[in-house]
């Protein structure tokens, strides 16, 4: 039996069944509204993609930064936590500095593979690679701040959880010598801002550093 209604073959369903309805032709559906909804859905799906690659790309967009820090360290054999405060600063690709202001003034500056330590009137310069464990820790921090995935994965197995609003990056040492001393490093952030750094040593010692980003005025 035939009828006067023609069926568009391009809208036919599977196995010759009824065609799927075209949302843009349904009663009450405006084509422009449909296109806007479809575009918004696409953007939402893209925004929900969050992995190590996307995080490192976000971090790499910021070429420099500064933050105030407060640190609390738990050291075996010492009653009560040790506290410190000061500032951290970095500039891509390989500059990093920690300036402690309390309880004593001291600084640690890294440029490339050169480490410069200052305390009082004493200054010491050394090659960072002389102490492989320290080099790995500094590389992990610099790699995260600058979005350098290759450098990060050179020393650590990275486990990322959360989302752009709050992420947790757990770093587990790959090198056996480092693993004998460092249990893990856990970094917590919001978007491109690093908000805390926790270092857990195998002997039970622990360091937790809380960060408050400083907005640096743009040059005039």
C-alpha atoms as a PDB file:
ATOM      1  CA  UNK A   1       0.000   0.000   0.000  1.00  0.00           C
ATOM      2  CA  UNK A   2       1.324   3.404  -0.928  1.00  0.00           C
ATOM      3  CA  UNK A   3       0.519   6.929   0.158  1.00  0.00           C
ATOM      4  CA  UNK A   4       1.175  10.389  -1.129  1.00  0.00           C
ATOM      5  CA  UNK A   5       3.829  11.064   1.563  1.00  0.00           C
ATOM      6  CA  UNK A   6       7.417  10.953   0.282  1.00  0.00           C
ATOM      7  CA  UNK A   7      10.179   9.787   2.603  1.00  0.00           C
ATOM      8  CA  UNK A   8      13.612  11.399   2.364  1.00  0.00           C
ATOM      9  CA  UNK A   9      16.037   8.459   2.066  1.00  0.00           C
ATOM     10  CA  UNK A  10      18.688  10.462   3.965  1.00  0.00           C
ATOM     11  CA  UNK A  11      16.389  10.536   7.040  1.00  0.00           C
ATOM     12  CA  UNK A  12      15.498   6.812   6.891  1.00  0.00           C
ATOM     13  CA  UNK A  13      16.248   4.823  10.039  1.00  0.00           C
ATOM     14  CA  UNK A  14      18.158   1.560  10.298  1.00  0.00           C
ATOM     15  CA  UNK A  15      16.950  -1.399   8.218  1.00  0.00           C
ATOM     16  CA  UNK A  16      14.432   0.799   6.431  1.00  0.00           C
ATOM     17  CA  UNK A  17      12.694   1.707   9.698  1.00  0.00           C
ATOM     18  CA  UNK A  18      11.223   5.095  10.567  1.00  0.00           C
ATOM     19  CA  UNK A  19      13.531   8.039  10.236  1.00  0.00           C
ATOM     20  CA  UNK A  20      15.015   9.837  13.238  1.00  0.00           C
ATOM     21  CA  UNK A  21      13.298  13.195  13.761  1.00  0.00           C
ATOM     22  CA  UNK A  22      15.221  16.307  12.785  1.00  0.00           C
ATOM     23  CA  UNK A  23      15.245  18.559  15.910  1.00  0.00           C
ATOM     24  CA  UNK A  24      15.512  21.670  13.750  1.00  0.00           C
ATOM     25  CA  UNK A  25      12.173  20.792  12.088  1.00  0.00           C
ATOM     26  CA  UNK A  26      10.164  19.928  15.183  1.00  0.00           C
ATOM     27  CA  UNK A  27       7.308  22.251  16.073  1.00  0.00           C
ATOM     28  CA  UNK A  28       8.397  25.046  18.436  1.00  0.00           C
ATOM     29  CA  UNK A  29      12.128  24.514  17.856  1.00  0.00           C
ATOM     30  CA  UNK A  30      13.969  27.519  16.493  1.00  0.00           C
ATOM     31  CA  UNK A  31      16.973  26.584  14.356  1.00  0.00           C
ATOM     32  CA  UNK A  32      19.157  29.300  15.879  1.00  0.00           C
ATOM     33  CA  UNK A  33      18.321  28.145  19.423  1.00  0.00           C
ATOM     34  CA  UNK A  34      19.171  24.568  18.441  1.00  0.00           C
ATOM     35  CA  UNK A  35      22.551  25.604  16.997  1.00  0.00           C
ATOM     36  CA  UNK A  36      23.374  27.635  20.123  1.00  0.00           C
ATOM     37  CA  UNK A  37      22.471  24.677  22.352  1.00  0.00           C
ATOM     38  CA  UNK A  38      24.598  22.305  20.261  1.00  0.00           C
ATOM     39  CA  UNK A  39      27.580  24.701  20.406  1.00  0.00           C
ATOM     40  CA  UNK A  40      27.252  25.103  24.163  1.00  0.00           C
ATOM     41  CA  UNK A  41      27.111  21.325  24.616  1.00  0.00           C
ATOM     42  CA  UNK A  42      30.294  20.953  22.571  1.00  0.00           C
ATOM     43  CA  UNK A  43      32.103  23.566  24.656  1.00  0.00           C
ATOM     44  CA  UNK A  44      30.952  21.953  27.901  1.00  0.00           C
ATOM     45  CA  UNK A  45      32.219  18.552  26.806  1.00  0.00           C
ATOM     46  CA  UNK A  46      35.572  20.110  25.894  1.00  0.00           C
ATOM     47  CA  UNK A  47      35.822  21.925  29.232  1.00  0.00           C
ATOM     48  CA  UNK A  48      35.294  18.669  31.097  1.00  0.00           C
ATOM     49  CA  UNK A  49      38.446  17.158  29.578  1.00  0.00           C
ATOM     50  CA  UNK A  50      41.044  17.257  32.349  1.00  0.00           C
ATOM     51  CA  UNK A  51      44.251  15.263  32.293  1.00  0.00           C
ATOM     52  CA  UNK A  52      47.977  15.795  32.820  1.00  0.00           C
ATOM     53  CA  UNK A  53      48.429  17.127  29.292  1.00  0.00           C
ATOM     54  CA  UNK A  54      45.726  19.772  29.658  1.00  0.00           C
ATOM     55  CA  UNK A  55      47.011  20.787  33.100  1.00  0.00           C
ATOM     56  CA  UNK A  56      50.571  21.188  31.856  1.00  0.00           C
ATOM     57  CA  UNK A  57      49.335  23.235  28.913  1.00  0.00           C
ATOM     58  CA  UNK A  58      47.500  25.522  31.323  1.00  0.00           C
ATOM     59  CA  UNK A  59      50.563  25.873  33.569  1.00  0.00           C
ATOM     60  CA  UNK A  60      52.831  26.601  30.592  1.00  0.00           C
ATOM     61  CA  UNK A  61      50.780  29.668  29.695  1.00  0.00           C
ATOM     62  CA  UNK A  62      52.095  31.479  32.767  1.00  0.00           C
ATOM     63  CA  UNK A  63      55.713  32.491  32.250  1.00  0.00           C
ATOM     64  CA  UNK A  64      56.400  33.778  35.769  1.00  0.00           C
ATOM     65  CA  UNK A  65      54.820  33.957  39.195  1.00  0.00           C
ATOM     66  CA  UNK A  66      55.285  34.825  42.830  1.00  0.00           C
ATOM     67  CA  UNK A  67      53.659  33.587  46.019  1.00  0.00           C
ATOM     68  CA  UNK A  68      53.896  33.950  49.778  1.00  0.00           C
ATOM     69  CA  UNK A  69      54.432  30.693  51.635  1.00  0.00           C
ATOM     70  CA  UNK A  70      54.013  29.341  55.136  1.00  0.00           C
ATOM     71  CA  UNK A  71      55.676  26.028  55.871  1.00  0.00           C
ATOM     72  CA  UNK A  72      55.223  23.518  58.663  1.00  0.00           C
ATOM     73  CA  UNK A  73      57.713  20.679  59.027  1.00  0.00           C
ATOM     74  CA  UNK A  74      57.436  17.628  61.221  1.00  0.00           C
ATOM     75  CA  UNK A  75      60.876  16.192  61.982  1.00  0.00           C
ATOM     76  CA  UNK A  76      61.464  13.027  64.007  1.00  0.00           C
ATOM     77  CA  UNK A  77      63.272  13.679  67.268  1.00  0.00           C
ATOM     78  CA  UNK A  78      62.047  17.273  67.508  1.00  0.00           C
ATOM     79  CA  UNK A  79      59.060  18.183  69.662  1.00  0.00           C
ATOM     80  CA  UNK A  80      56.473  20.254  67.846  1.00  0.00           C
ATOM     81  CA  UNK A  81      56.496  21.373  64.209  1.00  0.00           C
ATOM     82  CA  UNK A  82      59.080  23.720  62.715  1.00  0.00           C
ATOM     83  CA  UNK A  83      57.600  26.706  60.932  1.00  0.00           C
ATOM     84  CA  UNK A  84      58.910  29.100  58.308  1.00  0.00           C
ATOM     85  CA  UNK A  85      57.527  31.754  55.992  1.00  0.00           C
ATOM     86  CA  UNK A  86      58.687  33.808  53.037  1.00  0.00           C
ATOM     87  CA  UNK A  87      58.249  34.040  49.280  1.00  0.00           C
ATOM     88  CA  UNK A  88      58.640  31.828  46.232  1.00  0.00           C
ATOM     89  CA  UNK A  89      59.196  33.041  42.676  1.00  0.00           C
ATOM     90  CA  UNK A  90      59.759  31.422  39.303  1.00  0.00           C
ATOM     91  CA  UNK A  91      60.374  32.480  35.728  1.00  0.00           C
ATOM     92  CA  UNK A  92      60.225  30.113  32.768  1.00  0.00           C
ATOM     93  CA  UNK A  93      62.035  28.129  31.663  1.00  0.00           C
ATOM     94  CA  UNK A  94      64.408  27.343  34.542  1.00  0.00           C
ATOM     95  CA  UNK A  95      64.596  30.026  37.248  1.00  0.00           C
ATOM     96  CA  UNK A  96      63.289  29.378  40.758  1.00  0.00           C
ATOM     97  CA  UNK A  97      63.873  31.125  44.068  1.00  0.00           C
ATOM     98  CA  UNK A  98      62.836  30.600  47.668  1.00  0.00           C
ATOM     99  CA  UNK A  99      63.428  33.462  50.101  1.00  0.00           C
ATOM    100  CA  UNK A 100      62.806  32.598  53.744  1.00  0.00           C
ATOM    101  CA  UNK A 101      62.055  35.617  55.927  1.00  0.00           C
ATOM    102  CA  UNK A 102      61.130  33.895  59.208  1.00  0.00           C
ATOM    103  CA  UNK A 103      62.540  32.568  61.515  1.00  0.00           C
ATOM    104  CA  UNK A 104      65.869  33.388  59.821  1.00  0.00           C
ATOM    105  CA  UNK A 105      66.666  35.092  56.538  1.00  0.00           C
ATOM    106  CA  UNK A 106      68.056  32.747  53.925  1.00  0.00           C
ATOM    107  CA  UNK A 107      67.571  32.075  50.246  1.00  0.00           C
ATOM    108  CA  UNK A 108      67.874  29.356  47.651  1.00  0.00           C
ATOM    109  CA  UNK A 109      68.061  30.384  44.002  1.00  0.00           C
ATOM    110  CA  UNK A 110      68.231  28.073  41.000  1.00  0.00           C
ATOM    111  CA  UNK A 111      69.275  29.152  37.513  1.00  0.00           C
ATOM    112  CA  UNK A 112      69.544  26.299  35.038  1.00  0.00           C
ATOM    113  CA  UNK A 113      71.540  23.620  36.904  1.00  0.00           C
ATOM    114  CA  UNK A 114      73.292  26.072  39.253  1.00  0.00           C
ATOM    115  CA  UNK A 115      72.161  26.314  42.875  1.00  0.00           C
ATOM    116  CA  UNK A 116      72.993  29.391  44.975  1.00  0.00           C
ATOM    117  CA  UNK A 117      72.491  29.241  48.746  1.00  0.00           C
ATOM    118  CA  UNK A 118      72.672  32.331  50.971  1.00  0.00           C
ATOM    119  CA  UNK A 119      72.423  32.612  54.738  1.00  0.00           C
ATOM    120  CA  UNK A 120      73.662  35.645  56.610  1.00  0.00           C
ATOM    121  CA  UNK A 121      77.023  36.611  55.162  1.00  0.00           C
ATOM    122  CA  UNK A 122      77.681  33.151  53.777  1.00  0.00           C
ATOM    123  CA  UNK A 123      77.102  32.208  50.158  1.00  0.00           C
ATOM    124  CA  UNK A 124      77.568  28.815  48.545  1.00  0.00           C
ATOM    125  CA  UNK A 125      77.299  27.948  44.868  1.00  0.00           C
ATOM    126  CA  UNK A 126      77.059  24.389  43.619  1.00  0.00           C
ATOM    127  CA  UNK A 127      75.969  22.258  40.689  1.00  0.00           C
ATOM    128  CA  UNK A 128      72.453  21.009  41.392  1.00  0.00           C
ATOM    129  CA  UNK A 129      73.265  17.576  39.942  1.00  0.00           C
ATOM    130  CA  UNK A 130      75.864  16.944  42.660  1.00  0.00           C
ATOM    131  CA  UNK A 131      72.908  16.028  44.886  1.00  0.00           C
ATOM    132  CA  UNK A 132      70.618  13.977  42.592  1.00  0.00           C
ATOM    133  CA  UNK A 133      67.811  13.771  45.156  1.00  0.00           C
ATOM    134  CA  UNK A 134      67.666  17.546  45.565  1.00  0.00           C
ATOM    135  CA  UNK A 135      67.890  18.011  41.800  1.00  0.00           C
ATOM    136  CA  UNK A 136      64.888  15.725  41.298  1.00  0.00           C
ATOM    137  CA  UNK A 137      62.792  17.613  43.851  1.00  0.00           C
ATOM    138  CA  UNK A 138      63.615  21.007  42.363  1.00  0.00           C
ATOM    139  CA  UNK A 139      62.981  19.709  38.842  1.00  0.00           C
ATOM    140  CA  UNK A 140      59.567  18.398  39.919  1.00  0.00           C
ATOM    141  CA  UNK A 141      58.579  21.793  41.274  1.00  0.00           C
ATOM    142  CA  UNK A 142      59.952  23.750  38.332  1.00  0.00           C
ATOM    143  CA  UNK A 143      58.407  21.333  35.845  1.00  0.00           C
ATOM    144  CA  UNK A 144      54.955  21.731  37.398  1.00  0.00           C
ATOM    145  CA  UNK A 145      55.176  25.517  37.553  1.00  0.00           C
ATOM    146  CA  UNK A 146      56.323  25.797  33.927  1.00  0.00           C
ATOM    147  CA  UNK A 147      54.226  22.953  32.478  1.00  0.00           C
ATOM    148  CA  UNK A 148      57.207  20.815  31.433  1.00  0.00           C
ATOM    149  CA  UNK A 149      55.761  17.292  31.225  1.00  0.00           C
ATOM    150  CA  UNK A 150      58.967  15.638  29.997  1.00  0.00           C
ATOM    151  CA  UNK A 151      60.999  16.991  32.905  1.00  0.00           C
ATOM    152  CA  UNK A 152      58.306  16.014  35.395  1.00  0.00           C
ATOM    153  CA  UNK A 153      58.104  12.420  34.165  1.00  0.00           C
ATOM    154  CA  UNK A 154      61.889  12.084  34.076  1.00  0.00           C
ATOM    155  CA  UNK A 155      61.969  11.548  37.845  1.00  0.00           C
ATOM    156  CA  UNK A 156      58.375  10.797  38.863  1.00  0.00           C
ATOM    157  CA  UNK A 157      55.278   8.824  38.029  1.00  0.00           C
ATOM    158  CA  UNK A 158      52.501  11.389  37.985  1.00  0.00           C
ATOM    159  CA  UNK A 159      48.964  10.678  39.218  1.00  0.00           C
ATOM    160  CA  UNK A 160      46.470  13.481  38.620  1.00  0.00           C
ATOM    161  CA  UNK A 161      42.960  13.726  40.091  1.00  0.00           C
ATOM    162  CA  UNK A 162      40.291  16.404  40.454  1.00  0.00           C
ATOM    163  CA  UNK A 163      39.388  19.097  37.966  1.00  0.00           C
ATOM    164  CA  UNK A 164      40.428  22.567  36.903  1.00  0.00           C
ATOM    165  CA  UNK A 165      38.761  24.113  39.970  1.00  0.00           C
ATOM    166  CA  UNK A 166      40.854  21.920  42.311  1.00  0.00           C
ATOM    167  CA  UNK A 167      43.449  19.373  41.230  1.00  0.00           C
ATOM    168  CA  UNK A 168      45.808  17.077  43.094  1.00  0.00           C
ATOM    169  CA  UNK A 169      49.050  15.936  41.475  1.00  0.00           C
ATOM    170  CA  UNK A 170      50.781  13.067  43.283  1.00  0.00           C
ATOM    171  CA  UNK A 171      54.386  12.393  42.292  1.00  0.00           C
ATOM    172  CA  UNK A 172      55.968   9.017  43.062  1.00  0.00           C
ATOM    173  CA  UNK A 173      59.759   8.676  42.634  1.00  0.00           C
ATOM    174  CA  UNK A 174      61.043   6.505  39.799  1.00  0.00           C
ATOM    175  CA  UNK A 175      64.697   6.557  40.874  1.00  0.00           C
ATOM    176  CA  UNK A 176      65.499   3.968  43.565  1.00  0.00           C
ATOM    177  CA  UNK A 177      67.858   6.277  45.451  1.00  0.00           C
ATOM    178  CA  UNK A 178      65.222   8.983  45.617  1.00  0.00           C
ATOM    179  CA  UNK A 179      62.518   6.466  46.558  1.00  0.00           C
ATOM    180  CA  UNK A 180      64.575   5.395  49.571  1.00  0.00           C
ATOM    181  CA  UNK A 181      64.250   8.925  50.938  1.00  0.00           C
ATOM    182  CA  UNK A 182      61.097  10.400  49.411  1.00  0.00           C
ATOM    183  CA  UNK A 183      57.762   8.628  49.689  1.00  0.00           C
ATOM    184  CA  UNK A 184      55.815  11.096  47.566  1.00  0.00           C
ATOM    185  CA  UNK A 185      55.234  14.726  46.692  1.00  0.00           C
ATOM    186  CA  UNK A 186      51.675  16.006  46.538  1.00  0.00           C
ATOM    187  CA  UNK A 187      50.857  19.290  44.829  1.00  0.00           C
ATOM    188  CA  UNK A 188      47.411  20.875  45.024  1.00  0.00           C
ATOM    189  CA  UNK A 189      46.275  23.697  42.779  1.00  0.00           C
ATOM    190  CA  UNK A 190      43.425  25.707  41.342  1.00  0.00           C
ATOM    191  CA  UNK A 191      43.590  26.371  37.605  1.00  0.00           C
ATOM    192  CA  UNK A 192      47.172  27.621  37.028  1.00  0.00           C
ATOM    193  CA  UNK A 193      47.774  28.512  40.696  1.00  0.00           C
ATOM    194  CA  UNK A 194      49.780  26.122  42.868  1.00  0.00           C
ATOM    195  CA  UNK A 195      48.274  26.290  46.373  1.00  0.00           C
ATOM    196  CA  UNK A 196      50.165  23.706  48.428  1.00  0.00           C
ATOM    197  CA  UNK A 197      53.190  21.410  48.312  1.00  0.00           C
ATOM    198  CA  UNK A 198      53.451  18.433  50.627  1.00  0.00           C
ATOM    199  CA  UNK A 199      56.648  16.399  50.860  1.00  0.00           C
ATOM    200  CA  UNK A 200      56.483  13.041  52.634  1.00  0.00           C
ATOM    201  CA  UNK A 201      59.731  11.277  53.463  1.00  0.00           C
ATOM    202  CA  UNK A 202      60.049   7.536  53.986  1.00  0.00           C
ATOM    203  CA  UNK A 203      61.172   7.967  57.610  1.00  0.00           C
ATOM    204  CA  UNK A 204      57.954   9.763  58.531  1.00  0.00           C
ATOM    205  CA  UNK A 205      59.201  13.356  58.288  1.00  0.00           C
ATOM    206  CA  UNK A 206      56.819  15.676  56.506  1.00  0.00           C
ATOM    207  CA  UNK A 207      56.731  19.189  55.113  1.00  0.00           C
ATOM    208  CA  UNK A 208      53.572  21.076  54.153  1.00  0.00           C
ATOM    209  CA  UNK A 209      53.889  24.413  52.373  1.00  0.00           C
ATOM    210  CA  UNK A 210      50.789  26.553  51.812  1.00  0.00           C
ATOM    211  CA  UNK A 211      50.970  29.141  49.027  1.00  0.00           C
ATOM    212  CA  UNK A 212      49.150  32.418  48.476  1.00  0.00           C
ATOM    213  CA  UNK A 213      49.689  33.789  44.963  1.00  0.00           C
ATOM    214  CA  UNK A 214      50.859  37.402  44.706  1.00  0.00           C
ATOM    215  CA  UNK A 215      49.476  39.512  41.905  1.00  0.00           C
ATOM    216  CA  UNK A 216      52.474  41.206  40.304  1.00  0.00           C
ATOM    217  CA  UNK A 217      51.556  44.576  38.705  1.00  0.00           C
ATOM    218  CA  UNK A 218      51.952  44.656  34.952  1.00  0.00           C
ATOM    219  CA  UNK A 219      54.838  46.838  33.730  1.00  0.00           C
ATOM    220  CA  UNK A 220      53.785  50.337  32.651  1.00  0.00           C
END
